[in-house]
PDB file of N, CA and C in Angstrom:
ATOM      1  N   MET A   1      -1.704 -12.216  35.090  1.00  0.00           N
ATOM      2  CA  MET A   1      -1.120 -11.299  34.429  1.00  0.00           C
ATOM      3  C   MET A   1      -2.466 -10.994  34.064  1.00  0.00           C
ATOM      4  N   SER A   2      -2.876  -9.421  34.141  1.00  0.00           N
ATOM      5  CA  SER A   2      -4.182  -9.106  33.285  1.00  0.00           C
ATOM      6  C   SER A   2      -3.963  -9.039  32.067  1.00  0.00           C
ATOM      7  N   LYS A   3      -5.295  -8.733  31.701  1.00  0.00           N
ATOM      8  CA  LYS A   3      -5.927  -9.142  30.396  1.00  0.00           C
ATOM      9  C   LYS A   3      -5.845  -7.280  29.808  1.00  0.00           C
ATOM     10  N   ILE A   4      -5.516  -7.303  28.410  1.00  0.00           N
ATOM     11  CA  ILE A   4      -5.344  -6.060  28.544  1.00  0.00           C
ATOM     12  C   ILE A   4      -6.839  -6.140  27.440  1.00  0.00           C
ATOM     13  N   SER A   5      -7.567  -5.139  27.674  1.00  0.00           N
ATOM     14  CA  SER A   5      -9.132  -4.737  26.446  1.00  0.00           C
ATOM     15  C   SER A   5      -8.781  -3.937  25.481  1.00  0.00           C
ATOM     16  N   TRP A   6      -9.478  -3.980  24.725  1.00  0.00           N
ATOM     17  CA  TRP A   6      -9.028  -3.696  23.219  1.00  0.00           C
ATOM     18  C   TRP A   6      -9.781  -1.907  23.467  1.00  0.00           C
ATOM     19  N   ARG A   7     -10.329  -1.788  24.466  1.00  0.00           N
ATOM     20  CA  ARG A   7     -10.956  -0.424  25.191  1.00  0.00           C
ATOM     21  C   ARG A   7      -9.570   0.623  25.637  1.00  0.00           C
ATOM     22  N   GLN A   8      -8.223  -0.446  25.734  1.00  0.00           N
ATOM     23  CA  GLN A   8      -7.431   0.690  26.655  1.00  0.00           C
ATOM     24  C   GLN A   8      -6.376   0.405  24.832  1.00  0.00           C
ATOM     25  N   THR A   9      -6.642  -0.403  24.415  1.00  0.00           N
ATOM     26  CA  THR A   9      -5.316  -0.671  23.375  1.00  0.00           C
ATOM     27  C   THR A   9      -5.870   0.350  22.188  1.00  0.00           C
ATOM     28  N   LEU A  10      -7.423   0.216  21.780  1.00  0.00           N
ATOM     29  CA  LEU A  10      -7.415   1.308  20.509  1.00  0.00           C
ATOM     30  C   LEU A  10      -7.351   2.582  20.326  1.00  0.00           C
ATOM     31  N   PRO A  11      -7.360   3.390  21.892  1.00  0.00           N
ATOM     32  CA  PRO A  11      -6.960   4.789  21.670  1.00  0.00           C
ATOM     33  C   PRO A  11      -5.393   4.835  21.357  1.00  0.00           C
ATOM     34  N   LEU A  12      -4.429   3.991  21.802  1.00  0.00           N
ATOM     35  CA  LEU A  12      -3.013   4.194  22.028  1.00  0.00           C
ATOM     36  C   LEU A  12      -2.505   3.546  20.543  1.00  0.00           C
ATOM     37  N   VAL A  13      -3.362   2.153  19.816  1.00  0.00           N
ATOM     38  CA  VAL A  13      -3.426   2.462  18.291  1.00  0.00           C
ATOM     39  C   VAL A  13      -3.462   3.538  17.535  1.00  0.00           C
ATOM     40  N   LEU A  14      -4.712   4.092  17.812  1.00  0.00           N
ATOM     41  CA  LEU A  14      -5.099   4.953  16.794  1.00  0.00           C
ATOM     42  C   LEU A  14      -4.286   6.634  17.045  1.00  0.00           C
ATOM     43  N   ALA A  15      -3.285   6.334  18.153  1.00  0.00           N
ATOM     44  CA  ALA A  15      -2.646   7.616  18.621  1.00  0.00           C
ATOM     45  C   ALA A  15      -1.637   7.174  17.679  1.00  0.00           C
ATOM     46  N   ALA A  16      -1.178   5.908  17.253  1.00  0.00           N
ATOM     47  CA  ALA A  16       0.183   5.435  16.619  1.00  0.00           C
ATOM     48  C   ALA A  16      -0.230   5.696  14.828  1.00  0.00           C
ATOM     49  N   PHE A  17      -1.228   5.489  14.966  1.00  0.00           N
ATOM     50  CA  PHE A  17      -1.573   6.246  13.138  1.00  0.00           C
ATOM     51  C   PHE A  17      -1.533   7.396  13.155  1.00  0.00           C
ATOM     52  N   PHE A  18      -1.884   8.133  13.790  1.00  0.00           N
ATOM     53  CA  PHE A  18      -1.892   9.781  13.789  1.00  0.00           C
ATOM     54  C   PHE A  18      -0.927   9.973  13.851  1.00  0.00           C
ATOM     55  N   VAL A  19       0.565   9.879  15.011  1.00  0.00           N
ATOM     56  CA  VAL A  19       1.768   9.890  15.065  1.00  0.00           C
ATOM     57  C   VAL A  19       2.599   9.552  12.921  1.00  0.00           C
ATOM     58  N   ALA A  20       1.860   8.562  12.872  1.00  0.00           N
ATOM     59  CA  ALA A  20       2.636   8.117  11.257  1.00  0.00           C
ATOM     60  C   ALA A  20       2.200   9.366  10.491  1.00  0.00           C
ATOM     61  N   GLY A  21       1.084   9.540  10.583  1.00  0.00           N
ATOM     62  CA  GLY A  21       0.509  10.461   9.531  1.00  0.00           C
ATOM     63  C   GLY A  21       0.782  11.644   9.810  1.00  0.00           C
ATOM     64  N   SER A  22       1.626  12.154  11.085  1.00  0.00           N
ATOM     65  CA  SER A  22       1.379  13.673  11.060  1.00  0.00           C
ATOM     66  C   SER A  22       3.260  13.253  10.755  1.00  0.00           C
ATOM     67  N   LEU A  23       3.871  12.392  10.862  1.00  0.00           N
ATOM     68  CA  LEU A  23       5.444  12.571  10.215  1.00  0.00           C
ATOM     69  C   LEU A  23       5.577  12.418   8.491  1.00  0.00           C
ATOM     70  N   SER A  24       4.225  11.736   7.849  1.00  0.00           N
ATOM     71  CA  SER A  24       4.299  11.924   6.759  1.00  0.00           C
ATOM     72  C   SER A  24       3.803  12.958   5.747  1.00  0.00           C
ATOM     73  N   ASN A  25       2.982  14.249   7.188  1.00  0.00           N
ATOM     74  CA  ASN A  25       2.597  15.260   6.350  1.00  0.00           C
ATOM     75  C   ASN A  25       3.646  16.116   6.591  1.00  0.00           C
ATOM     76  N   ILE A  26       4.251  16.668   8.009  1.00  0.00           N
ATOM     77  CA  ILE A  26       5.553  17.078   8.058  1.00  0.00           C
ATOM     78  C   ILE A  26       5.983  17.023   7.164  1.00  0.00           C
ATOM     79  N   VAL A  27       6.926  15.903   6.994  1.00  0.00           N
ATOM     80  CA  VAL A  27       8.461  15.321   5.858  1.00  0.00           C
ATOM     81  C   VAL A  27       7.517  16.187   5.109  1.00  0.00           C
ATOM     82  N   ALA A  28       6.613  15.256   4.166  1.00  0.00           N
ATOM     83  CA  ALA A  28       5.861  15.790   2.951  1.00  0.00           C
ATOM     84  C   ALA A  28       6.837  15.240   2.162  1.00  0.00           C
ATOM     85  N   PRO A  29       6.995  14.309   1.769  1.00  0.00           N
ATOM     86  CA  PRO A  29       7.867  13.881   0.561  1.00  0.00           C
ATOM     87  C   PRO A  29       6.939  14.277  -0.562  1.00  0.00           C
ATOM     88  N   ARG A  30       7.552  14.384  -1.942  1.00  0.00           N
ATOM     89  CA  ARG A  30       6.706  14.855  -3.100  1.00  0.00           C
ATOM     90  C   ARG A  30       5.295  14.722  -3.427  1.00  0.00           C
ATOM     91  N   SER A  31       5.450  13.408  -3.555  1.00  0.00           N
ATOM     92  CA  SER A  31       4.022  13.299  -3.522  1.00  0.00           C
ATOM     93  C   SER A  31       3.329  13.774  -2.743  1.00  0.00           C
ATOM     94  N   ILE A  32       3.264  13.330  -1.319  1.00  0.00           N
ATOM     95  CA  ILE A  32       2.387  13.998  -0.249  1.00  0.00           C
ATOM     96  C   ILE A  32       2.482  15.704  -0.436  1.00  0.00           C
ATOM     97  N   PHE A  33       3.300  16.294  -1.227  1.00  0.00           N
ATOM     98  CA  PHE A  33       3.437  18.097  -1.487  1.00  0.00           C
ATOM     99  C   PHE A  33       2.713  18.112  -2.419  1.00  0.00           C
ATOM    100  N   GLU A  34       2.682  17.397  -3.506  1.00  0.00           N
ATOM    101  CA  GLU A  34       1.939  17.745  -4.612  1.00  0.00           C
ATOM    102  C   GLU A  34       0.487  17.385  -4.703  1.00  0.00           C
ATOM    103  N   GLU A  35       0.078  16.273  -3.777  1.00  0.00           N
ATOM    104  CA  GLU A  35      -1.739  16.188  -3.901  1.00  0.00           C
ATOM    105  C   GLU A  35      -1.768  17.142  -2.895  1.00  0.00           C
ATOM    106  N   TYR A  36      -1.422  17.917  -2.019  1.00  0.00           N
ATOM    107  CA  TYR A  36      -1.931  19.199  -1.183  1.00  0.00           C
ATOM    108  C   TYR A  36      -1.912  20.416  -2.294  1.00  0.00           C
ATOM    109  N   LEU A  37      -0.728  20.295  -3.160  1.00  0.00           N
ATOM    110  CA  LEU A  37      -1.230  21.302  -4.204  1.00  0.00           C
ATOM    111  C   LEU A  37      -2.219  21.245  -5.298  1.00  0.00           C
ATOM    112  N   LYS A  38      -2.278  19.682  -5.455  1.00  0.00           N
ATOM    113  CA  LYS A  38      -3.377  19.248  -6.587  1.00  0.00           C
ATOM    114  C   LYS A  38      -4.708  19.613  -6.365  1.00  0.00           C
ATOM    115  N   TRP A  39      -4.926  19.561  -4.695  1.00  0.00           N
ATOM    116  CA  TRP A  39      -6.131  19.423  -4.158  1.00  0.00           C
ATOM    117  C   TRP A  39      -6.470  21.198  -3.466  1.00  0.00           C
ATOM    118  N   GLY A  40      -5.827  22.292  -3.904  1.00  0.00           N
ATOM    119  CA  GLY A  40      -5.601  23.775  -4.126  1.00  0.00           C
ATOM    120  C   GLY A  40      -5.195  24.222  -2.743  1.00  0.00           C
ATOM    121  N   TYR A  41      -4.852  23.737  -1.740  1.00  0.00           N
ATOM    122  CA  TYR A  41      -3.936  23.795  -1.086  1.00  0.00           C
ATOM    123  C   TYR A  41      -2.683  24.779  -0.640  1.00  0.00           C
ATOM    124  N   PRO A  42      -2.235  25.805  -0.029  1.00  0.00           N
ATOM    125  CA  PRO A  42      -1.345  26.629   0.004  1.00  0.00           C
ATOM    126  C   PRO A  42      -0.257  25.386   0.179  1.00  0.00           C
ATOM    127  N   HIS A  43       0.982  25.766  -0.169  1.00  0.00           N
ATOM    128  CA  HIS A  43       2.446  24.829   0.113  1.00  0.00           C
ATOM    129  C   HIS A  43       2.680  24.671   1.170  1.00  0.00           C
ATOM    130  N   TRP A  44       2.173  25.301   2.629  1.00  0.00           N
ATOM    131  CA  TRP A  44       2.634  25.069   4.050  1.00  0.00           C
ATOM    132  C   TRP A  44       1.778  24.131   4.150  1.00  0.00           C
ATOM    133  N   PHE A  45       0.354  23.797   3.684  1.00  0.00           N
ATOM    134  CA  PHE A  45      -0.779  23.423   4.629  1.00  0.00           C
ATOM    135  C   PHE A  45      -0.424  21.817   5.524  1.00  0.00           C
ATOM    136  N   HIS A  46       0.743  21.504   4.515  1.00  0.00           N
ATOM    137  CA  HIS A  46       0.878  20.001   5.151  1.00  0.00           C
ATOM    138  C   HIS A  46       1.535  20.017   6.384  1.00  0.00           C
ATOM    139  N   PHE A  47       1.827  21.057   6.891  1.00  0.00           N
ATOM    140  CA  PHE A  47       2.286  21.550   7.869  1.00  0.00           C
ATOM    141  C   PHE A  47       1.037  21.949   8.884  1.00  0.00           C
ATOM    142  N   VAL A  48      -0.165  22.367   8.928  1.00  0.00           N
ATOM    143  CA  VAL A  48      -0.779  22.608   9.547  1.00  0.00           C
ATOM    144  C   VAL A  48      -1.812  20.884   9.976  1.00  0.00           C
ATOM    145  N   THR A  49      -1.855  20.068   8.653  1.00  0.00           N
ATOM    146  CA  THR A  49      -2.570  18.919   9.047  1.00  0.00           C
ATOM    147  C   THR A  49      -1.505  18.187   9.693  1.00  0.00           C
ATOM    148  N   GLY A  50      -0.343  18.124   9.814  1.00  0.00           N
ATOM    149  CA  GLY A  50       1.019  16.897  10.205  1.00  0.00           C
ATOM    150  C   GLY A  50       0.847  17.561  12.009  1.00  0.00           C
ATOM    151  N   SER A  51       0.218  18.740  12.121  1.00  0.00           N
ATOM    152  CA  SER A  51       0.747  19.685  13.330  1.00  0.00           C
ATOM    153  C   SER A  51      -0.627  19.204  14.246  1.00  0.00           C
ATOM    154  N   LEU A  52      -1.921  19.313  13.490  1.00  0.00           N
ATOM    155  CA  LEU A  52      -3.047  18.562  13.845  1.00  0.00           C
ATOM    156  C   LEU A  52      -3.141  17.455  14.105  1.00  0.00           C
ATOM    157  N   GLU A  53      -2.894  16.647  13.669  1.00  0.00           N
ATOM    158  CA  GLU A  53      -2.484  15.212  13.602  1.00  0.00           C
ATOM    159  C   GLU A  53      -1.667  14.496  14.695  1.00  0.00           C
ATOM    160  N   LEU A  54      -0.714  15.357  14.826  1.00  0.00           N
ATOM    161  CA  LEU A  54       0.753  15.150  16.454  1.00  0.00           C
ATOM    162  C   LEU A  54      -0.291  15.577  17.711  1.00  0.00           C
ATOM    163  N   MET A  55      -1.027  16.706  17.820  1.00  0.00           N
ATOM    164  CA  MET A  55      -1.635  16.879  18.339  1.00  0.00           C
ATOM    165  C   MET A  55      -2.865  15.969  18.630  1.00  0.00           C
ATOM    166  N   THR A  56      -3.154  15.241  17.439  1.00  0.00           N
ATOM    167  CA  THR A  56      -4.327  14.468  18.145  1.00  0.00           C
ATOM    168  C   THR A  56      -3.716  13.140  19.077  1.00  0.00           C
ATOM    169  N   ALA A  57      -2.947  12.799  18.427  1.00  0.00           N
ATOM    170  CA  ALA A  57      -2.156  12.208  18.721  1.00  0.00           C
ATOM    171  C   ALA A  57      -1.783  11.738  20.289  1.00  0.00           C
ATOM    172  N   ILE A  58      -1.428  13.094  20.672  1.00  0.00           N
ATOM    173  CA  ILE A  58      -0.893  13.430  21.974  1.00  0.00           C
ATOM    174  C   ILE A  58      -2.033  13.171  22.767  1.00  0.00           C
ATOM    175  N   LEU A  59      -3.054  13.873  22.839  1.00  0.00           N
ATOM    176  CA  LEU A  59      -4.373  14.018  23.088  1.00  0.00           C
ATOM    177  C   LEU A  59      -4.667  12.854  23.510  1.00  0.00           C
ATOM    178  N   LEU A  60      -4.848  11.425  22.556  1.00  0.00           N
ATOM    179  CA  LEU A  60      -5.289  10.323  22.654  1.00  0.00           C
ATOM    180  C   LEU A  60      -4.976   9.393  23.538  1.00  0.00           C
ATOM    181  N   ALA A  61      -3.153   9.873  23.525  1.00  0.00           N
ATOM    182  CA  ALA A  61      -2.766   8.899  24.314  1.00  0.00           C
ATOM    183  C   ALA A  61      -2.657   9.208  25.875  1.00  0.00           C
ATOM    184  N   ARG A  62      -3.218  10.314  25.816  1.00  0.00           N
ATOM    185  CA  ARG A  62      -3.726  10.297  27.590  1.00  0.00           C
ATOM    186  C   ARG A  62      -5.278  10.118  28.244  1.00  0.00           C
ATOM    187  N   ALA A  63      -5.581   8.895  29.142  1.00  0.00           N
ATOM    188  CA  ALA A  63      -6.961   9.098  28.851  1.00  0.00           C
ATOM    189  C   ALA A  63      -7.605  10.336  29.576  1.00  0.00           C
ATOM    190  N   ARG A  64      -7.126  11.332  30.476  1.00  0.00           N
ATOM    191  CA  ARG A  64      -7.799  12.666  30.597  1.00  0.00           C
ATOM    192  C   ARG A  64      -8.478  13.478  29.392  1.00  0.00           C
ATOM    193  N   THR A  65      -7.335  13.338  28.604  1.00  0.00           N
ATOM    194  CA  THR A  65      -7.891  14.411  27.155  1.00  0.00           C
ATOM    195  C   THR A  65      -8.153  13.623  25.647  1.00  0.00           C
ATOM    196  N   ARG A  66      -8.406  12.310  26.168  1.00  0.00           N
ATOM    197  CA  ARG A  66      -8.744  11.144  24.909  1.00  0.00           C
ATOM    198  C   ARG A  66     -10.101  11.318  24.525  1.00  0.00           C
ATOM    199  N   LEU A  67     -10.983  12.095  25.021  1.00  0.00           N
ATOM    200  CA  LEU A  67     -12.434  12.671  24.486  1.00  0.00           C
ATOM    201  C   LEU A  67     -12.229  14.402  23.613  1.00  0.00           C
ATOM    202  N   TRP A  68     -11.049  14.893  23.891  1.00  0.00           N
ATOM    203  CA  TRP A  68     -10.917  15.782  22.911  1.00  0.00           C
ATOM    204  C   TRP A  68      -9.973  15.235  22.058  1.00  0.00           C
ATOM    205  N   GLY A  69      -8.899  14.625  21.685  1.00  0.00           N
ATOM    206  CA  GLY A  69      -8.031  13.971  21.005  1.00  0.00           C
ATOM    207  C   GLY A  69      -9.275  13.169  20.185  1.00  0.00           C
ATOM    208  N   SER A  70     -10.201  12.670  20.617  1.00  0.00           N
ATOM    209  CA  SER A  70     -10.876  11.851  19.093  1.00  0.00           C
ATOM    210  C   SER A  70     -11.905  12.846  18.728  1.00  0.00           C
ATOM    211  N   VAL A  71     -12.064  14.324  19.025  1.00  0.00           N
ATOM    212  CA  VAL A  71     -13.277  15.350  18.433  1.00  0.00           C
ATOM    213  C   VAL A  71     -12.052  15.781  17.515  1.00  0.00           C
ATOM    214  N   LEU A  72     -10.835  15.978  18.186  1.00  0.00           N
ATOM    215  CA  LEU A  72      -9.862  16.799  16.836  1.00  0.00           C
ATOM    216  C   LEU A  72      -9.621  15.801  15.836  1.00  0.00           C
ATOM    217  N   GLY A  73      -9.250  14.385  16.500  1.00  0.00           N
ATOM    218  CA  GLY A  73      -8.958  13.240  15.728  1.00  0.00           C
ATOM    219  C   GLY A  73      -9.960  12.915  14.030  1.00  0.00           C
ATOM    220  N   CYS A  74     -11.127  13.071  14.878  1.00  0.00           N
ATOM    221  CA  CYS A  74     -12.440  13.077  13.832  1.00  0.00           C
ATOM    222  C   CYS A  74     -12.455  14.248  12.755  1.00  0.00           C
ATOM    223  N   THR A  75     -12.150  15.013  13.513  1.00  0.00           N
ATOM    224  CA  THR A  75     -12.778  16.150  12.610  1.00  0.00           C
ATOM    225  C   THR A  75     -11.609  16.241  11.461  1.00  0.00           C
ATOM    226  N   VAL A  76     -10.066  15.517  12.055  1.00  0.00           N
ATOM    227  CA  VAL A  76      -9.192  15.902  11.019  1.00  0.00           C
ATOM    228  C   VAL A  76      -9.356  14.987   9.595  1.00  0.00           C
ATOM    229  N   MET A  77     -10.005  13.844  10.046  1.00  0.00           N
ATOM    230  CA  MET A  77     -10.367  13.031   9.163  1.00  0.00           C
ATOM    231  C   MET A  77     -11.584  13.129   8.452  1.00  0.00           C
ATOM    232  N   LEU A  78     -12.634  13.654   9.052  1.00  0.00           N
ATOM    233  CA  LEU A  78     -14.029  14.262   8.214  1.00  0.00           C
ATOM    234  C   LEU A  78     -13.524  15.216   7.166  1.00  0.00           C
ATOM    235  N   ALA A  79     -12.081  16.480   7.611  1.00  0.00           N
ATOM    236  CA  ALA A  79     -11.822  17.076   6.672  1.00  0.00           C
ATOM    237  C   ALA A  79     -11.043  16.547   5.676  1.00  0.00           C
ATOM    238  N   ALA A  80     -10.319  15.455   5.256  1.00  0.00           N
ATOM    239  CA  ALA A  80      -9.308  14.758   4.728  1.00  0.00           C
ATOM    240  C   ALA A  80     -10.928  13.962   3.615  1.00  0.00           C
ATOM    241  N   LEU A  81     -11.671  13.492   4.538  1.00  0.00           N
ATOM    242  CA  LEU A  81     -12.552  12.527   3.420  1.00  0.00           C
ATOM    243  C   LEU A  81     -13.467  13.658   2.769  1.00  0.00           C
ATOM    244  N   ALA A  82     -13.479  14.844   3.001  1.00  0.00           N
ATOM    245  CA  ALA A  82     -14.052  15.928   2.451  1.00  0.00           C
ATOM    246  C   ALA A  82     -13.215  16.160   1.136  1.00  0.00           C
ATOM    247  N   THR A  83     -12.146  16.460   1.190  1.00  0.00           N
ATOM    248  CA  THR A  83     -11.306  16.656   0.216  1.00  0.00           C
ATOM    249  C   THR A  83     -10.920  16.060  -0.902  1.00  0.00           C
ATOM    250  N   VAL A  84     -10.689  14.110  -0.224  1.00  0.00           N
ATOM    251  CA  VAL A  84     -10.531  13.261  -1.427  1.00  0.00           C
ATOM    252  C   VAL A  84     -12.191  13.543  -2.503  1.00  0.00           C
ATOM    253  N   ILE A  85     -13.134  13.488  -1.542  1.00  0.00           N
ATOM    254  CA  ILE A  85     -14.453  13.346  -2.199  1.00  0.00           C
ATOM    255  C   ILE A  85     -14.741  14.464  -3.079  1.00  0.00           C
ATOM    256  N   VAL A  86     -14.649  15.653  -2.703  1.00  0.00           N
ATOM    257  CA  VAL A  86     -14.761  17.102  -3.567  1.00  0.00           C
ATOM    258  C   VAL A  86     -14.077  16.633  -4.895  1.00  0.00           C
ATOM    259  N   HIS A  87     -12.353  16.350  -4.756  1.00  0.00           N
ATOM    260  CA  HIS A  87     -11.927  15.611  -6.004  1.00  0.00           C
ATOM    261  C   HIS A  87     -12.396  14.393  -6.339  1.00  0.00           C
ATOM    262  N   GLY A  88     -13.163  13.777  -6.218  1.00  0.00           N
ATOM    263  CA  GLY A  88     -13.670  12.611  -7.159  1.00  0.00           C
ATOM    264  C   GLY A  88     -12.634  11.207  -6.738  1.00  0.00           C
ATOM    265  N   GLU A  89     -11.724  11.521  -5.863  1.00  0.00           N
ATOM    266  CA  GLU A  89     -10.490  10.508  -4.959  1.00  0.00           C
ATOM    267  C   GLU A  89     -11.479   9.674  -4.436  1.00  0.00           C
ATOM    268  N   TYR A  90     -13.023   8.774  -4.774  1.00  0.00           N
ATOM    269  CA  TYR A  90     -13.296   7.998  -3.632  1.00  0.00           C
ATOM    270  C   TYR A  90     -12.509   6.942  -3.398  1.00  0.00           C
ATOM    271  N   ALA A  91     -11.815   6.648  -3.833  1.00  0.00           N
ATOM    272  CA  ALA A  91     -11.020   5.630  -3.058  1.00  0.00           C
ATOM    273  C   ALA A  91     -10.394   5.768  -2.247  1.00  0.00           C
ATOM    274  N   HIS A  92      -9.852   7.066  -2.099  1.00  0.00           N
ATOM    275  CA  HIS A  92      -8.592   7.333  -1.301  1.00  0.00           C
ATOM    276  C   HIS A  92      -9.490   7.695   0.320  1.00  0.00           C
ATOM    277  N   GLY A  93     -11.150   7.837  -0.072  1.00  0.00           N
ATOM    278  CA  GLY A  93     -11.657   8.368   1.257  1.00  0.00           C
ATOM    279  C   GLY A  93     -11.770   7.079   2.274  1.00  0.00           C
ATOM    280  N   VAL A  94     -11.731   5.779   2.327  1.00  0.00           N
ATOM    281  CA  VAL A  94     -11.692   4.995   2.650  1.00  0.00           C
ATOM    282  C   VAL A  94     -11.150   4.666   4.308  1.00  0.00           C
ATOM    283  N   ALA A  95     -10.128   5.146   4.291  1.00  0.00           N
ATOM    284  CA  ALA A  95      -8.892   4.811   5.311  1.00  0.00           C
ATOM    285  C   ALA A  95      -9.652   6.113   6.350  1.00  0.00           C
ATOM    286  N   PRO A  96      -9.756   7.520   5.717  1.00  0.00           N
ATOM    287  CA  PRO A  96     -10.162   8.454   6.345  1.00  0.00           C
ATOM    288  C   PRO A  96     -11.791   8.275   6.960  1.00  0.00           C
ATOM    289  N   LEU A  97     -12.396   7.419   6.438  1.00  0.00           N
ATOM    290  CA  LEU A  97     -13.608   7.079   6.874  1.00  0.00           C
ATOM    291  C   LEU A  97     -13.290   6.291   8.058  1.00  0.00           C
ATOM    292  N   PHE A  98     -12.743   5.525   7.786  1.00  0.00           N
ATOM    293  CA  PHE A  98     -12.165   4.100   9.168  1.00  0.00           C
ATOM    294  C   PHE A  98     -12.105   4.780  10.305  1.00  0.00           C
ATOM    295  N   VAL A  99     -11.303   5.787  10.222  1.00  0.00           N
ATOM    296  CA  VAL A  99     -10.034   6.329  11.482  1.00  0.00           C
ATOM    297  C   VAL A  99     -10.927   7.533  11.742  1.00  0.00           C
ATOM    298  N   ALA A 100     -11.804   7.587  11.316  1.00  0.00           N
ATOM    299  CA  ALA A 100     -12.932   9.030  12.088  1.00  0.00           C
ATOM    300  C   ALA A 100     -14.348   7.841  12.754  1.00  0.00           C
ATOM    301  N   ILE A 101     -14.555   6.490  12.285  1.00  0.00           N
ATOM    302  CA  ILE A 101     -15.369   6.170  13.098  1.00  0.00           C
ATOM    303  C   ILE A 101     -14.736   5.567  14.294  1.00  0.00           C
ATOM    304  N   LEU A 102     -13.238   5.178  13.899  1.00  0.00           N
ATOM    305  CA  LEU A 102     -12.767   4.484  14.912  1.00  0.00           C
ATOM    306  C   LEU A 102     -12.364   6.028  16.051  1.00  0.00           C
ATOM    307  N   SER A 103     -12.206   6.984  15.589  1.00  0.00           N
ATOM    308  CA  SER A 103     -12.218   8.351  16.810  1.00  0.00           C
ATOM    309  C   SER A 103     -13.388   8.153  17.173  1.00  0.00           C
ATOM    310  N   ILE A 104     -14.836   8.059  16.956  1.00  0.00           N
ATOM    311  CA  ILE A 104     -15.715   8.570  17.030  1.00  0.00           C
ATOM    312  C   ILE A 104     -16.440   7.038  18.229  1.00  0.00           C
ATOM    313  N   VAL A 105     -15.574   6.274  18.076  1.00  0.00           N
ATOM    314  CA  VAL A 105     -15.836   4.976  19.094  1.00  0.00           C
ATOM    315  C   VAL A 105     -14.898   5.638  20.813  1.00  0.00           C
ATOM    316  N   VAL A 106     -14.098   5.743  20.267  1.00  0.00           N
ATOM    317  CA  VAL A 106     -12.862   6.248  21.336  1.00  0.00           C
ATOM    318  C   VAL A 106     -13.615   7.477  21.934  1.00  0.00           C
ATOM    319  N   GLY A 107     -13.901   8.429  21.322  1.00  0.00           N
ATOM    320  CA  GLY A 107     -14.533   9.065  21.803  1.00  0.00           C
ATOM    321  C   GLY A 107     -15.611   8.834  22.634  1.00  0.00           C
ATOM    322  N   TRP A 108     -16.457   7.990  22.128  1.00  0.00           N
ATOM    323  CA  TRP A 108     -18.159   7.558  23.022  1.00  0.00           C
ATOM    324  C   TRP A 108     -17.515   6.939  24.072  1.00  0.00           C
ATOM    325  N   ILE A 109     -16.172   6.203  24.300  1.00  0.00           N
ATOM    326  CA  ILE A 109     -15.961   5.606  25.197  1.00  0.00           C
ATOM    327  C   ILE A 109     -15.399   6.272  26.349  1.00  0.00           C
ATOM    328  N   ALA A 110     -14.536   7.255  25.962  1.00  0.00           N
ATOM    329  CA  ALA A 110     -14.221   8.375  26.329  1.00  0.00           C
ATOM    330  C   ALA A 110     -15.015   8.914  27.155  1.00  0.00           C
ATOM    331  N   TRP A 111     -16.069   9.515  26.423  1.00  0.00           N
ATOM    332  CA  TRP A 111     -17.536   9.917  27.052  1.00  0.00           C
ATOM    333  C   TRP A 111     -18.187   9.448  28.383  1.00  0.00           C
ATOM    334  N   ARG A 112     -18.076   8.168  28.118  1.00  0.00           N
ATOM    335  CA  ARG A 112     -19.384   7.181  29.046  1.00  0.00           C
ATOM    336  C   ARG A 112     -18.023   6.988  29.916  1.00  0.00           C
ATOM    337  N   LYS A 113     -17.303   6.656  30.079  1.00  0.00           N
ATOM    338  CA  LYS A 113     -16.295   6.698  31.489  1.00  0.00           C
ATOM    339  C   LYS A 113     -16.542   8.235  32.194  1.00  0.00           C
ATOM    340  N   ARG A 114     -16.358   9.201  31.315  1.00  0.00           N
ATOM    341  CA  ARG A 114     -16.694  10.449  31.894  1.00  0.00           C
ATOM    342  C   ARG A 114     -17.443  10.437  32.965  1.00  0.00           C
ATOM    343  N   LEU A 115     -18.704   9.869  32.180  1.00  0.00           N
ATOM    344  CA  LEU A 115     -20.475   9.775  32.926  1.00  0.00           C
ATOM    345  C   LEU A 115     -20.224   9.082  33.807  1.00  0.00           C
ATOM    346  N   VAL A 116     -20.283   8.213  33.701  1.00  0.00           N
ATOM    347  CA  VAL A 116     -19.618   6.891  34.599  1.00  0.00           C
ATOM    348  C   VAL A 116     -19.110   7.633  36.370  1.00  0.00           C
ATOM    349  N   THR A 117     -17.561   8.368  35.962  1.00  0.00           N
ATOM    350  CA  THR A 117     -16.980   8.604  37.161  1.00  0.00           C
ATOM    351  C   THR A 117     -17.450   9.740  37.475  1.00  0.00           C
ATOM    352  N   GLY A 118     -18.247  10.686  36.939  1.00  0.00           N
ATOM    353  CA  GLY A 118     -18.649  11.723  37.287  1.00  0.00           C
ATOM    354  C   GLY A 118     -17.681  13.012  36.903  1.00  0.00           C
ATOM    355  N   SER A 119     -16.872  13.212  36.303  1.00  0.00           N
ATOM    356  CA  SER A 119     -15.967  13.784  35.858  1.00  0.00           C
ATOM    357  C   SER A 119     -16.315  14.909  34.340  1.00  0.00           C
ATOM    358  N   ILE A 120     -17.503  15.197  34.045  1.00  0.00           N
ATOM    359  CA  ILE A 120     -18.099  15.951  33.336  1.00  0.00           C
ATOM    360  C   ILE A 120     -17.118  17.230  32.756  1.00  0.00           C
ATOM    361  N   ALA A 121     -16.826  17.495  33.871  1.00  0.00           N
ATOM    362  CA  ALA A 121     -16.296  19.108  33.471  1.00  0.00           C
ATOM    363  C   ALA A 121     -14.806  18.627  32.665  1.00  0.00           C
ATOM    364  N   PRO A 122     -14.591  19.685  31.743  1.00  0.00           N
ATOM    365  CA  PRO A 122     -13.161  19.504  31.155  1.00  0.00           C
ATOM    366  C   PRO A 122     -12.179  19.187  31.615  1.00  0.00           C
ATOM    367  N   ALA A 123     -11.455  18.244  31.221  1.00  0.00           N
ATOM    368  CA  ALA A 123     -10.164  17.969  32.446  1.00  0.00           C
ATOM    369  C   ALA A 123      -9.140  19.104  32.157  1.00  0.00           C
TER     370      ALA A 123
END
């Protein structure tokens, strides 16, 4: 029986996180919808966030597009972090910061794999 490494598991766990995040943003229960409005975003912006998170999950799920998924995921999480910091909700910044760091780790692994295999060209 082969062992599954954390390098194989982490991108899929991260993808699952982004799927859950995208669903909660696309469906947007009243609490999430009201947070977006409180932060000054338009009433439809939760769809943008949810769509970007879903795209991140799809890109992370495939090894060939994982680097791009990690870049998009990190960007989304840094935007979320900036939003909560600007509004003084520092405790809400822990999760986006942690996920951004995990996205950087996944991106670094994907980048190193491309360097080793010699496939630097866009996938």
